[in-house]
Structure formats: structure tokens, C-alpha cells
Amino acid sequence: MKSVREKNKIWRLLTIGVTGILMLLSFCAAAQDGNAGINEANTKVRSYFASGMNLMYAVGAIVGLIGAVKVYQKWNSGDHDTGKVAAAWFGSCVFLVIVATVIRSFFGV
């Protein structure tokens, strides 16, 4: 009769062997032509680009609303740096729009 130590060793070897075989099979199944993978990624990224642009514009709108509230609060409290805060928030919104336009023109989408 085999000892517990020998049984554990057999189970470990069996587990390692099965894991190795499964890894080898997964590598063989996932292999594809490099150009086909790059072209597929290119088409997927281009198809998501319009949604990404809309998301960037939505984030810009939310940032603009938050900035407007912050500037309004500073203006009502009588702070002297209201102009700086307004310029910073407005600049961040303009930056988002410019980045979206530059990315669109740079990648030709």
C-alpha cells in the first residue's frame, strides 16, 4: 500500500501534467496570423472611436457644469480669484475638445 506522501506526489505530477497539456492546447488554439490580428484590432478601435469622442464630449460637459458651480460659489462668496478659477475650468473644457479634434485629425478617423 502506498503512503500518503507518495499519493500526494502522484497527484502533484498529474496536476502539473494536465495543466501543461491544457496550456499547450490553449496556445495552439489562440494562434493566428499577426497581420489578421492587427487588422482586426484596427477595425475595432476605429469602430469604437465615435463612441469615445461622444464620451469625451460628455466628460467635458460634466466638467463644465462642475466648473460653473465652483465659479458661481466663489463669485457669491466675494473671492478675488474668481477670474483665475473660471479660466482654469474653461481651459480644461477647451482642452478636452481640442484633444478630441487633434486625435481625430491625427489618426484620420
Protein backbone atom coordinates (compact mmCIF):
# COMPACT_ATOMS: atom_id res chain seq x y z
CA MET A 1 0.00 0.00 0.00
CA LYS A 2 1.27 3.46 -0.94
CA SER A 3 1.91 6.07 1.69
CA VAL A 4 0.18 9.43 1.79
CA ARG A 5 3.39 11.14 0.71
CA GLU A 6 3.61 9.01 -2.44
CA LYS A 7 -0.07 9.65 -3.27
CA ASN A 8 0.42 13.41 -2.91
CA LYS A 9 3.46 13.25 -5.18
CA ILE A 10 1.48 11.37 -7.83
CA TRP A 11 -1.39 13.88 -7.64
CA ARG A 12 1.04 16.79 -7.95
CA LEU A 13 2.71 15.27 -11.01
CA LEU A 14 -0.67 14.50 -12.56
CA THR A 15 -1.89 18.05 -11.92
CA ILE A 16 1.25 19.57 -13.42
CA GLY A 17 0.97 17.33 -16.47
CA VAL A 18 -2.68 18.13 -17.11
CA THR A 19 -2.03 21.85 -16.61
CA GLY A 20 0.85 21.74 -19.09
CA ILE A 21 -1.24 19.96 -21.69
CA LEU A 22 -4.10 22.46 -21.28
CA MET A 23 -1.70 25.40 -21.62
CA LEU A 24 -0.20 23.91 -24.77
CA LEU A 25 -3.64 23.39 -26.27
CA SER A 26 -4.71 26.95 -25.44
CA PHE A 27 -1.59 28.39 -27.10
CA CYS A 28 -2.25 26.37 -30.24
CA ALA A 29 -5.92 27.38 -30.34
CA ALA A 30 -5.18 31.10 -29.86
CA ALA A 31 -2.51 31.32 -32.56
CA GLN A 32 -3.41 33.37 -35.61
CA ASP A 33 -1.77 35.38 -38.34
CA GLY A 34 -0.14 38.57 -37.00
CA ASN A 35 -1.48 40.77 -39.79
CA ALA A 36 -5.01 39.48 -39.29
CA GLY A 37 -4.84 40.31 -35.58
CA ILE A 38 -3.52 43.82 -36.23
CA ASN A 39 -6.18 44.50 -38.87
CA GLU A 40 -8.92 43.21 -36.57
CA ALA A 41 -7.69 45.44 -33.73
CA ASN A 42 -7.55 48.40 -36.13
CA THR A 43 -11.15 47.95 -37.23
CA LYS A 44 -12.37 47.51 -33.65
CA VAL A 45 -10.60 50.65 -32.44
CA ARG A 46 -11.95 52.65 -35.38
CA SER A 47 -15.48 51.41 -34.69
CA TYR A 48 -15.25 52.49 -31.03
CA PHE A 49 -13.76 55.90 -31.85
CA ALA A 50 -17.07 57.73 -32.37
CA SER A 51 -18.35 56.45 -29.03
CA GLY A 52 -15.12 57.52 -27.37
CA MET A 53 -15.45 61.00 -28.83
CA ASN A 54 -19.00 61.29 -27.54
CA LEU A 55 -17.81 60.12 -24.13
CA MET A 56 -15.06 62.75 -24.15
CA TYR A 57 -17.59 65.47 -25.02
CA ALA A 58 -19.86 64.24 -22.20
CA VAL A 59 -16.98 64.38 -19.73
CA GLY A 60 -16.24 67.91 -20.96
CA ALA A 61 -19.86 68.91 -20.36
CA ILE A 62 -19.80 67.49 -16.83
CA VAL A 63 -16.51 69.25 -16.09
CA GLY A 64 -18.01 72.46 -17.45
CA LEU A 65 -21.06 72.17 -15.18
CA ILE A 66 -18.92 71.46 -12.13
CA GLY A 67 -16.68 74.40 -13.03
CA ALA A 68 -19.66 76.70 -13.44
CA VAL A 69 -20.93 75.77 -9.98
CA LYS A 70 -17.48 76.32 -8.44
CA VAL A 71 -17.10 79.70 -10.11
CA TYR A 72 -20.61 80.72 -9.05
CA GLN A 73 -19.84 79.77 -5.42
CA LYS A 74 -16.60 81.78 -5.46
CA TRP A 75 -18.31 84.75 -7.08
CA ASN A 76 -21.10 84.76 -4.48
CA SER A 77 -18.64 84.47 -1.58
CA GLY A 78 -16.70 87.50 -2.87
CA ASP A 79 -13.36 85.80 -3.57
CA HIS A 80 -10.89 87.83 -5.59
CA ASP A 81 -9.53 84.90 -7.62
CA THR A 82 -12.81 84.13 -9.38
CA GLY A 83 -11.30 85.01 -12.77
CA LYS A 84 -8.43 82.53 -12.30
CA VAL A 85 -10.79 79.72 -11.33
CA ALA A 86 -13.10 80.47 -14.25
CA ALA A 87 -10.17 80.48 -16.67
CA ALA A 88 -8.87 77.17 -15.29
CA TRP A 89 -12.22 75.37 -15.60
CA PHE A 90 -12.94 76.85 -19.03
CA GLY A 91 -9.44 75.91 -20.16
CA SER A 92 -9.93 72.31 -19.12
CA CYS A 93 -13.15 72.08 -21.15
CA VAL A 94 -11.48 73.63 -24.20
CA PHE A 95 -8.55 71.24 -23.76
CA LEU A 96 -10.87 68.21 -23.94
CA VAL A 97 -12.46 69.47 -27.15
CA ILE A 98 -9.09 70.28 -28.74
CA VAL A 99 -7.64 66.90 -27.80
CA ALA A 100 -10.62 65.13 -29.36
CA THR A 101 -10.23 67.13 -32.57
CA VAL A 102 -6.46 66.60 -32.75
CA ILE A 103 -6.80 62.86 -32.21
CA ARG A 104 -9.45 62.65 -34.92
CA SER A 105 -7.30 64.56 -37.44
CA PHE A 106 -4.06 62.81 -36.46
CA PHE A 107 -5.39 59.29 -36.90
CA GLY A 108 -7.63 60.17 -39.85
CA VAL A 109 -10.76 58.67 -38.39
